[in-house]
Amino acid sequence: MARRCELCGKGPVAGKNVSHSKVHTPRRFMPNLVTAHLVRPGGRVAERVRVCTRCLRTSTKSA
């Protein structure tokens, strides 16, 4: 399953872990996805979508 927000398309980003000895090792920053029931524009029934928490917060603010 793709770790991608269905509203904004936010996905994993590559970066580095930096230890105390300054050794750089690769890592991935994953988006904070949650499953939510949202009504999309033009729809009547709430559907289950995987969205990042930023989109979830914005959608509840505008509703």
N, C-alpha and C. Protein backbone atom coordinates (compact mmCIF):
# COMPACT_ATOMS: atom_id res chain seq x y z
N MET A 1 0.84 -1.17 0.00
CA MET A 1 0.00 0.00 0.00
C MET A 1 0.89 1.24 0.00
N ALA A 2 0.57 2.16 -0.88
CA ALA A 2 1.38 3.37 -1.00
C ALA A 2 1.13 4.28 0.20
N ARG A 3 2.21 4.81 0.77
CA ARG A 3 2.09 5.74 1.89
C ARG A 3 1.97 7.15 1.30
N ARG A 4 0.78 7.46 0.78
CA ARG A 4 0.57 8.73 0.13
C ARG A 4 -0.81 9.27 0.50
N CYS A 5 -0.87 10.57 0.77
CA CYS A 5 -2.14 11.21 1.11
C CYS A 5 -3.00 11.29 -0.15
N GLU A 6 -4.29 10.94 -0.01
CA GLU A 6 -5.18 10.94 -1.17
C GLU A 6 -5.66 12.34 -1.54
N LEU A 7 -5.49 13.32 -0.66
CA LEU A 7 -5.94 14.68 -0.97
C LEU A 7 -4.80 15.54 -1.52
N CYS A 8 -3.68 15.59 -0.83
CA CYS A 8 -2.59 16.49 -1.25
C CYS A 8 -1.45 15.77 -1.94
N GLY A 9 -1.38 14.43 -1.84
CA GLY A 9 -0.32 13.68 -2.50
C GLY A 9 0.99 13.63 -1.74
N LYS A 10 0.97 14.05 -0.48
CA LYS A 10 2.19 14.02 0.33
C LYS A 10 2.64 12.58 0.52
N GLY A 11 3.94 12.32 0.35
CA GLY A 11 4.47 10.98 0.48
C GLY A 11 5.77 10.96 1.24
N PRO A 12 6.49 9.83 1.24
CA PRO A 12 7.75 9.73 1.96
C PRO A 12 8.82 10.65 1.37
N VAL A 13 9.70 11.15 2.24
CA VAL A 13 10.80 12.02 1.83
C VAL A 13 12.09 11.39 2.35
N ALA A 14 13.14 11.42 1.54
CA ALA A 14 14.42 10.84 1.94
C ALA A 14 15.23 11.84 2.75
N GLY A 15 16.02 11.31 3.69
CA GLY A 15 16.87 12.15 4.51
C GLY A 15 17.97 11.31 5.13
N LYS A 16 18.62 11.84 6.14
CA LYS A 16 19.72 11.15 6.81
C LYS A 16 19.53 11.19 8.31
N ASN A 17 19.88 10.08 8.98
CA ASN A 17 20.06 10.08 10.43
C ASN A 17 21.48 10.56 10.68
N VAL A 18 21.67 11.40 11.67
CA VAL A 18 23.01 11.88 12.01
C VAL A 18 23.26 11.53 13.47
N SER A 19 24.23 10.65 13.70
CA SER A 19 24.53 10.21 15.05
C SER A 19 25.44 11.23 15.75
N HIS A 20 25.73 10.94 17.01
CA HIS A 20 26.61 11.81 17.78
C HIS A 20 28.00 11.90 17.15
N SER A 21 28.44 10.80 16.51
CA SER A 21 29.75 10.81 15.85
C SER A 21 29.68 11.37 14.43
N LYS A 22 28.54 11.93 14.05
CA LYS A 22 28.30 12.57 12.75
C LYS A 22 28.29 11.57 11.59
N VAL A 23 28.00 10.30 11.86
CA VAL A 23 27.86 9.31 10.79
C VAL A 23 26.47 9.49 10.18
N HIS A 24 26.39 9.66 8.87
CA HIS A 24 25.13 9.86 8.17
C HIS A 24 24.65 8.52 7.60
N THR A 25 23.45 8.10 7.99
CA THR A 25 22.85 6.89 7.44
C THR A 25 21.50 7.25 6.85
N PRO A 26 21.12 6.61 5.76
CA PRO A 26 19.87 6.98 5.10
C PRO A 26 18.63 6.61 5.93
N ARG A 27 17.58 7.39 5.76
CA ARG A 27 16.30 7.12 6.40
C ARG A 27 15.19 7.72 5.57
N ARG A 28 13.97 7.39 5.93
CA ARG A 28 12.81 7.96 5.25
C ARG A 28 11.90 8.64 6.27
N PHE A 29 11.44 9.83 5.94
CA PHE A 29 10.46 10.53 6.75
C PHE A 29 9.09 10.19 6.18
N MET A 30 8.28 9.47 6.96
CA MET A 30 6.98 9.03 6.48
C MET A 30 5.89 10.03 6.89
N PRO A 31 4.89 10.24 6.02
CA PRO A 31 3.79 11.14 6.39
C PRO A 31 2.91 10.49 7.45
N ASN A 32 2.31 11.31 8.27
CA ASN A 32 1.42 10.83 9.33
C ASN A 32 0.03 10.65 8.73
N LEU A 33 -0.26 9.44 8.25
CA LEU A 33 -1.52 9.15 7.59
C LEU A 33 -2.51 8.52 8.56
N VAL A 34 -3.77 8.92 8.42
CA VAL A 34 -4.86 8.34 9.19
C VAL A 34 -5.99 8.01 8.23
N THR A 35 -6.79 7.02 8.59
CA THR A 35 -7.97 6.68 7.80
C THR A 35 -9.13 7.48 8.36
N ALA A 36 -9.81 8.22 7.47
CA ALA A 36 -10.90 9.09 7.91
C ALA A 36 -12.08 8.92 6.96
N HIS A 37 -13.25 9.24 7.44
CA HIS A 37 -14.45 9.25 6.62
C HIS A 37 -14.75 10.70 6.27
N LEU A 38 -14.59 11.05 5.00
CA LEU A 38 -14.81 12.42 4.55
C LEU A 38 -15.80 12.44 3.41
N VAL A 39 -16.56 13.53 3.32
CA VAL A 39 -17.45 13.75 2.18
C VAL A 39 -16.70 14.63 1.20
N ARG A 40 -16.46 14.08 0.01
CA ARG A 40 -15.76 14.85 -1.01
C ARG A 40 -16.71 15.85 -1.64
N PRO A 41 -16.19 16.94 -2.25
CA PRO A 41 -17.06 17.92 -2.90
C PRO A 41 -17.92 17.26 -3.98
N GLY A 42 -19.22 17.54 -3.95
CA GLY A 42 -20.14 16.96 -4.92
C GLY A 42 -20.65 15.59 -4.54
N GLY A 43 -20.17 15.04 -3.44
CA GLY A 43 -20.62 13.73 -2.99
C GLY A 43 -21.58 13.84 -1.83
N ARG A 44 -22.38 12.80 -1.65
CA ARG A 44 -23.34 12.82 -0.55
C ARG A 44 -22.95 11.86 0.56
N VAL A 45 -22.26 10.79 0.18
CA VAL A 45 -21.92 9.75 1.15
C VAL A 45 -20.46 9.92 1.57
N ALA A 46 -20.20 9.76 2.86
CA ALA A 46 -18.82 9.84 3.35
C ALA A 46 -18.08 8.60 2.91
N GLU A 47 -16.89 8.78 2.34
CA GLU A 47 -16.09 7.64 1.93
C GLU A 47 -14.81 7.60 2.75
N ARG A 48 -14.25 6.40 2.85
CA ARG A 48 -13.05 6.19 3.66
C ARG A 48 -11.82 6.54 2.83
N VAL A 49 -11.01 7.47 3.32
CA VAL A 49 -9.80 7.90 2.62
C VAL A 49 -8.63 7.93 3.59
N ARG A 50 -7.43 7.74 3.04
CA ARG A 50 -6.20 7.85 3.86
C ARG A 50 -5.62 9.23 3.60
N VAL A 51 -5.66 10.07 4.62
CA VAL A 51 -5.20 11.45 4.47
C VAL A 51 -4.17 11.76 5.55
N CYS A 52 -3.31 12.75 5.27
CA CYS A 52 -2.36 13.19 6.28
C CYS A 52 -3.12 14.03 7.31
N THR A 53 -2.57 14.15 8.49
CA THR A 53 -3.26 14.85 9.56
C THR A 53 -3.41 16.34 9.26
N ARG A 54 -2.53 16.89 8.47
CA ARG A 54 -2.67 18.30 8.08
C ARG A 54 -3.92 18.50 7.22
N CYS A 55 -4.16 17.60 6.25
CA CYS A 55 -5.36 17.69 5.42
C CYS A 55 -6.62 17.42 6.24
N LEU A 56 -6.53 16.50 7.18
CA LEU A 56 -7.68 16.21 8.04
C LEU A 56 -8.03 17.44 8.87
N ARG A 57 -7.03 18.10 9.40
CA ARG A 57 -7.27 19.30 10.21
C ARG A 57 -7.85 20.41 9.35
N THR A 58 -7.33 20.59 8.15
CA THR A 58 -7.83 21.63 7.26
C THR A 58 -9.26 21.35 6.83
N SER A 59 -9.59 20.09 6.55
CA SER A 59 -10.93 19.75 6.10
C SER A 59 -11.96 19.97 7.22
N THR A 60 -11.59 19.71 8.46
CA THR A 60 -12.53 19.94 9.55
C THR A 60 -12.65 21.43 9.87
N LYS A 61 -11.61 22.21 9.61
CA LYS A 61 -11.70 23.65 9.83
C LYS A 61 -12.65 24.29 8.84
N SER A 62 -12.62 23.84 7.58
CA SER A 62 -13.43 24.47 6.55
C SER A 62 -14.89 24.01 6.59
N ALA A 63 -15.15 22.88 7.27
CA ALA A 63 -16.52 22.34 7.30
C ALA A 63 -17.37 23.04 8.35
